[in-house]
Amino acid sequence: MLTDGTPPIVVLFGFPPGWDNQNRPNQMNKDQVKGASKSSAGKIQRAAGKLVGSLKQQAKGMDKQVAGKAQQRFGDIKEALRTSRKRNGQ
């Protein structure tokens, strides 16, 4: 921790999506939530496919995981725009 209480990792990489500068999580929008959920489901499906030796399930899981990450990033962009508008008084 730095003298102001900020973790060093934040200084290097910035705050993670969904966190404000007071180190408290913000509420996630629906695209962030759905994307994270879809990404997690894809990760589980990919692992299950690996476990049973099914390349088809692994590929479907990877596809779902990538789609979830994309939706999550879209939600991050929407949130950044919303925050920017809020700061600029629009």
Protein backbone atom coordinates (compact mmCIF):
# COMPACT_ATOMS: atom_id res chain seq x y z
CA MET A 1 0.00 0.00 0.00
CA LEU A 2 1.11 3.50 -0.77
CA THR A 3 0.82 6.31 1.73
CA ASP A 4 -2.65 7.24 0.45
CA GLY A 5 -3.83 3.62 0.72
CA THR A 6 -3.73 2.90 -3.03
CA PRO A 7 -2.47 -0.61 -3.86
CA PRO A 8 0.71 -0.53 -6.04
CA ILE A 9 -0.95 -2.60 -8.78
CA VAL A 10 -3.48 0.22 -9.30
CA VAL A 11 -0.66 2.71 -9.76
CA LEU A 12 0.85 0.54 -12.51
CA PHE A 13 -2.28 -0.53 -14.38
CA GLY A 14 -5.08 1.76 -13.26
CA PHE A 15 -8.31 0.78 -11.60
CA PRO A 16 -10.00 -2.37 -12.90
CA PRO A 17 -13.31 -1.99 -14.74
CA GLY A 18 -16.13 -1.47 -12.29
CA TRP A 19 -14.02 0.24 -9.61
CA ASP A 20 -13.90 3.94 -8.88
CA ASN A 21 -11.00 5.94 -7.49
CA GLN A 22 -12.23 5.41 -3.94
CA ASN A 23 -11.46 1.68 -4.28
CA ARG A 24 -15.14 0.70 -4.05
CA PRO A 25 -16.90 -1.36 -6.68
CA ASN A 26 -19.44 0.43 -8.87
CA GLN A 27 -22.66 -1.20 -9.92
CA MET A 28 -22.21 -3.19 -13.15
CA ASN A 29 -24.50 -2.58 -16.11
CA LYS A 30 -26.45 -5.42 -17.73
CA ASP A 31 -23.90 -5.99 -20.52
CA GLN A 32 -21.09 -6.35 -18.00
CA VAL A 33 -23.11 -8.83 -15.94
CA LYS A 34 -24.33 -10.88 -18.92
CA GLY A 35 -20.85 -10.86 -20.46
CA ALA A 36 -19.17 -12.06 -17.27
CA SER A 37 -21.80 -14.75 -16.87
CA LYS A 38 -21.43 -15.92 -20.48
CA SER A 39 -17.64 -15.92 -20.17
CA SER A 40 -17.78 -18.04 -17.01
CA ALA A 41 -20.21 -20.48 -18.60
CA GLY A 42 -17.88 -20.78 -21.59
CA LYS A 43 -14.92 -21.45 -19.35
CA ILE A 44 -16.86 -24.23 -17.58
CA GLN A 45 -18.04 -25.70 -20.89
CA ARG A 46 -14.49 -25.65 -22.26
CA ALA A 47 -13.17 -27.39 -19.13
CA ALA A 48 -15.94 -30.01 -19.31
CA GLY A 49 -15.12 -30.64 -22.97
CA LYS A 50 -11.47 -31.06 -22.07
CA LEU A 51 -12.41 -33.46 -19.28
CA VAL A 52 -14.45 -35.73 -21.56
CA GLY A 53 -12.15 -35.29 -24.55
CA SER A 54 -14.68 -33.49 -26.78
CA LEU A 55 -13.06 -30.97 -29.10
CA LYS A 56 -16.51 -29.79 -30.19
CA GLN A 57 -17.48 -28.84 -26.61
CA GLN A 58 -14.11 -27.20 -26.06
CA ALA A 59 -14.62 -25.08 -29.19
CA LYS A 60 -18.18 -24.16 -28.18
CA GLY A 61 -16.93 -23.18 -24.74
CA MET A 62 -14.15 -21.05 -26.20
CA ASP A 63 -16.65 -19.37 -28.55
CA LYS A 64 -18.98 -18.60 -25.64
CA GLN A 65 -16.07 -17.32 -23.56
CA VAL A 66 -14.91 -14.94 -26.31
CA ALA A 67 -18.47 -13.70 -26.90
CA GLY A 68 -18.84 -13.08 -23.17
CA LYS A 69 -15.60 -11.12 -22.97
CA ALA A 70 -16.68 -9.00 -25.95
CA GLN A 71 -20.05 -8.25 -24.35
CA GLN A 72 -18.32 -7.43 -21.07
CA ARG A 73 -15.97 -4.99 -22.82
CA PHE A 74 -18.95 -3.41 -24.58
CA GLY A 75 -20.49 -2.89 -21.16
CA ASP A 76 -17.22 -1.36 -19.93
CA ILE A 77 -17.31 1.13 -22.81
CA LYS A 78 -20.95 2.02 -22.09
CA GLU A 79 -20.07 2.55 -18.44
CA ALA A 80 -17.06 4.73 -19.32
CA LEU A 81 -19.24 6.88 -21.57
CA ARG A 82 -21.89 7.17 -18.87
CA THR A 83 -19.27 8.19 -16.31
CA SER A 84 -17.73 10.70 -18.72
CA ARG A 85 -21.12 12.29 -19.40
CA LYS A 86 -21.83 12.42 -15.68
CA ARG A 87 -18.52 14.16 -14.98
CA ASN A 88 -19.07 16.68 -17.78
CA GLY A 89 -22.57 17.47 -16.57
CA GLN A 90 -24.41 16.18 -19.63
